[in-house]
Protein backbone atom coordinates (compact mmCIF):
# COMPACT_ATOMS: atom_id res chain seq x y z
CA MET A 1 -0.08 0.01 -0.13
CA LYS A 2 2.53 2.49 0.91
CA HIS A 3 4.50 1.83 -2.28
CA MET A 4 1.28 2.19 -4.29
CA LEU A 5 0.88 5.65 -2.35
CA SER A 6 4.32 6.85 -3.13
CA ALA A 7 4.09 5.74 -6.97
CA ALA A 8 0.91 7.91 -7.06
CA GLN A 9 2.57 10.86 -5.47
CA GLY A 10 5.50 10.53 -7.72
CA ASP A 11 3.28 10.55 -10.89
CA ALA A 12 1.24 13.48 -9.67
CA ILE A 13 4.59 15.50 -8.96
CA GLU A 14 5.74 14.31 -12.57
CA TRP A 15 2.41 15.75 -13.86
CA GLU A 16 2.65 18.91 -11.97
CA ALA A 17 6.19 19.46 -13.10
CA GLY A 18 5.07 19.00 -16.61
CA LEU A 19 2.41 21.49 -16.30
CA VAL A 20 4.95 23.90 -14.97
CA GLN A 21 7.18 23.26 -17.87
CA ARG A 22 4.64 23.80 -20.26
CA ALA A 23 3.60 27.19 -18.42
CA CYS A 24 7.16 28.19 -18.25
CA GLY A 25 7.14 28.14 -22.08
CA GLY A 26 3.97 30.18 -22.20
CA ASP A 27 1.23 27.85 -22.14
CA MET A 28 -1.68 29.67 -20.61
CA ARG A 29 -3.82 26.57 -20.47
CA ALA A 30 -1.26 24.79 -18.37
CA PHE A 31 -1.08 27.73 -16.09
CA GLU A 32 -4.62 27.85 -15.70
CA ARG A 33 -4.58 24.06 -14.88
CA LEU A 34 -2.14 24.86 -11.84
CA TYR A 35 -4.53 27.61 -10.95
CA ARG A 36 -7.44 25.47 -10.85
CA GLU A 37 -5.43 22.90 -8.83
CA HIS A 38 -4.27 25.27 -6.18
CA ILE A 39 -6.80 28.04 -5.70
CA GLY A 40 -8.62 26.36 -3.04
CA THR A 41 -5.69 25.98 -0.79
CA VAL A 42 -4.09 29.18 -1.55
CA TYR A 43 -7.54 31.10 -0.96
CA GLY A 44 -8.02 29.24 2.26
CA LEU A 45 -4.65 30.08 3.36
CA CYS A 46 -5.06 33.56 2.68
CA LEU A 47 -8.42 33.88 4.44
CA ARG A 48 -6.93 32.14 7.56
CA LEU A 49 -4.27 34.99 7.42
CA THR A 50 -6.53 37.96 6.67
CA ARG A 51 -9.85 36.89 8.25
CA ASP A 52 -11.65 38.73 5.41
CA PRO A 53 -13.04 36.92 2.29
CA PRO A 54 -12.57 39.87 -0.13
CA ILE A 55 -9.04 40.85 0.96
CA ALA A 56 -8.24 36.83 0.96
CA GLU A 57 -9.69 36.87 -2.62
CA ASP A 58 -7.34 39.84 -3.79
CA CYS A 59 -4.32 38.29 -2.10
CA ALA A 60 -4.96 34.85 -3.74
CA GLN A 61 -5.44 36.50 -7.27
CA GLU A 62 -2.23 38.39 -6.57
CA ALA A 63 -0.29 35.70 -5.56
CA PHE A 64 -1.22 33.81 -8.78
CA PHE A 65 -0.29 36.82 -10.60
CA ASN A 66 3.05 36.93 -9.00
CA ALA A 67 3.57 33.33 -9.52
CA TRP A 68 3.05 34.04 -13.27
CA ARG A 69 5.56 36.59 -13.31
CA SER A 70 7.92 34.77 -11.51
CA LEU A 71 7.55 31.09 -12.95
CA GLN A 72 10.96 31.20 -14.77
CA ARG A 73 12.65 31.25 -11.24
CA PHE A 74 10.68 28.26 -9.89
CA GLN A 75 13.00 25.48 -8.76
CA THR A 76 11.90 22.11 -8.24
CA ARG A 77 13.41 21.81 -4.93
CA SER A 78 10.04 22.43 -3.54
CA SER A 79 6.78 21.66 -4.50
CA PHE A 80 4.85 24.12 -6.80
CA GLY A 81 2.12 24.36 -3.97
CA THR A 82 4.83 25.11 -1.54
CA TRP A 83 6.20 27.72 -3.56
CA LEU A 84 2.72 29.03 -4.07
CA HIS A 85 2.10 29.40 -0.42
CA ARG A 86 5.09 31.29 0.21
CA ILE A 87 4.19 33.66 -2.31
CA ALA A 88 0.65 34.12 -1.04
CA VAL A 89 2.29 34.47 2.78
CA ASN A 90 4.43 37.32 1.16
CA VAL A 91 1.42 39.00 -0.56
CA VAL A 92 -0.55 38.86 2.63
CA LEU A 93 2.55 40.35 4.98
CA ALA A 94 3.04 43.05 2.22
CA ARG A 95 -0.69 44.11 2.27
CA ARG A 96 -0.63 44.14 6.15
CA ARG A 97 2.59 46.48 6.04
CA ARG A 98 0.56 48.67 3.44
CA THR A 99 -2.90 48.65 5.50
CA PRO A 100 -3.72 46.77 8.48
CA LEU A 101 -6.38 44.12 7.84
CA LEU A 102 -8.31 44.10 11.08
CA PRO A 103 -7.77 45.56 14.64
CA GLU A 104 -6.18 43.15 16.88
CA LEU A 105 -8.36 41.51 19.36
CA PRO A 106 -7.71 41.23 22.96
CA SER A 107 -5.80 37.81 23.28
CA ARG A 108 -8.33 36.67 26.04
CA PRO A 109 -10.86 38.56 28.20
CA PRO A 110 -10.03 39.13 31.82
CA ASP A 111 -11.86 36.59 34.25
CA ALA A 112 -13.36 37.90 37.42
CA HIS A 113 -10.01 38.69 39.06
CA GLY A 114 -8.55 40.27 36.03
CA ASP A 115 -6.19 37.31 35.39
CA CYS A 116 -5.10 36.85 31.70
CA THR A 117 -2.32 34.28 32.07
CA ASP A 118 -1.73 31.78 29.64
CA PRO A 119 -2.63 28.22 30.85
CA PRO A 120 0.30 25.46 30.73
CA GLY A 121 0.20 22.25 29.26
CA GLU A 122 -0.37 20.57 25.89
CA TRP A 123 -2.95 21.38 23.18
CA THR A 124 -5.65 19.50 23.93
CA LEU A 125 -9.34 20.29 24.87
CA ASP A 126 -11.29 18.70 27.71
CA THR A 127 -14.58 19.40 25.96
CA PRO A 128 -16.03 18.94 22.47
CA VAL A 129 -16.24 22.23 20.45
CA GLU A 130 -17.68 22.87 17.11
CA VAL A 131 -15.56 24.04 14.06
CA SER A 132 -16.99 27.38 13.86
CA GLU A 133 -16.15 28.09 17.46
CA ILE A 134 -12.49 26.70 16.57
CA GLU A 135 -12.45 28.83 13.51
CA ALA A 136 -13.63 32.20 15.42
CA ALA A 137 -10.86 31.19 18.05
CA VAL A 138 -8.14 31.07 15.50
CA GLY A 139 -9.26 34.11 13.72
CA ALA A 140 -9.23 36.33 17.29
CA LEU A 141 -5.47 35.65 17.74
CA PRO A 142 -2.90 38.17 17.56
CA GLU A 143 -1.53 38.13 13.96
CA GLY A 144 1.97 36.58 15.01
CA ALA A 145 0.40 33.76 16.57
CA ARG A 146 -2.36 33.04 14.37
CA ASP A 147 0.27 33.18 11.30
CA VAL A 148 2.41 30.74 12.80
CA LEU A 149 -0.62 28.48 13.96
CA VAL A 150 -1.91 28.62 10.42
CA LEU A 151 1.28 27.63 8.80
CA CYS A 152 2.60 24.87 11.27
CA GLY A 153 -0.77 23.70 12.87
CA ILE A 154 -3.02 23.72 10.13
CA TYR A 155 -0.89 23.54 6.95
CA GLY A 156 1.97 21.52 8.62
CA TYR A 157 4.91 23.46 7.77
CA SER A 158 7.97 23.06 9.80
CA HIS A 159 9.12 25.77 12.34
CA SER A 160 12.02 26.56 10.21
CA GLU A 161 9.77 26.74 7.07
CA ALA A 162 7.48 29.03 8.77
CA ALA A 163 10.12 31.23 10.13
CA ARG A 164 11.34 31.74 6.44
CA MET A 165 8.17 32.61 5.24
CA LEU A 166 7.17 35.11 7.96
CA GLY A 167 10.59 36.42 8.06
CA VAL A 168 11.43 35.68 11.87
CA ALA A 169 13.63 33.69 13.82
CA GLU A 170 12.80 30.18 14.42
CA GLY A 171 12.69 30.57 17.94
CA THR A 172 10.17 33.29 17.71
CA CYS A 173 7.99 30.80 15.53
CA LYS A 174 8.23 28.25 18.15
CA ALA A 175 7.30 30.65 20.78
CA GLN A 176 4.31 32.23 18.86
CA LEU A 177 3.08 28.69 18.12
CA HIS A 178 3.05 27.87 21.95
CA ARG A 179 1.36 31.26 22.53
CA ALA A 180 -1.24 30.50 19.94
CA ARG A 181 -2.00 27.02 21.54
CA ALA A 182 -2.29 28.41 24.80
CA LEU A 183 -4.74 31.42 23.92
CA LEU A 184 -6.84 28.90 21.89
CA ARG A 185 -7.05 26.59 24.76
CA ALA A 186 -8.00 29.37 27.07
CA ARG A 187 -10.52 30.56 24.80
CA LEU A 188 -12.22 27.26 23.87
CA GLU A 189 -12.14 25.64 27.37
CA PRO A 190 -15.06 26.83 29.65
CA GLU A 191 -13.81 28.19 32.98
CA SER A 192 -13.55 25.31 35.69
CA GLN A 193 -16.57 25.22 37.73
CA PRO A 194 -15.77 25.51 41.48
């Protein structure tokens, strides 16, 4: 089974590499096919980073425009999807520098005693939650923590890959992921009943 899966993955990589090569030669239909294959994940990434559907759509379109312009420089050391994600992250970050996307929300409302400390421990929840609650909690995270959580926790990039995409140190990336998990846990778990 494992051999069949790796063979199928190899075929998909070769198929995509062929599309990239044809697109580099000016074949718009090949690039259109790459677009159709990747627009969903690129848009999803932009949406999670921006929290605004129209802005996410603009960022996704700009990412593909930038990819088309830079296609000759694409190197096959990474997959085309990974390369697109990096471009999309750069587009979102550049847009943030030009205009803030949304105001930052407080990381956690204070409890009755005004305590906002982050809970220790691993990322697990003691109670079930709805997907919409998780999406809302992720959307309410501070930008840096949300960016790292989206890239590492949702899209599976390593700390070093996410750090390179975001232009931060790997240690900062690890700290932001820890912070994001703690904030999410605090938001999604109901306060302990005395």
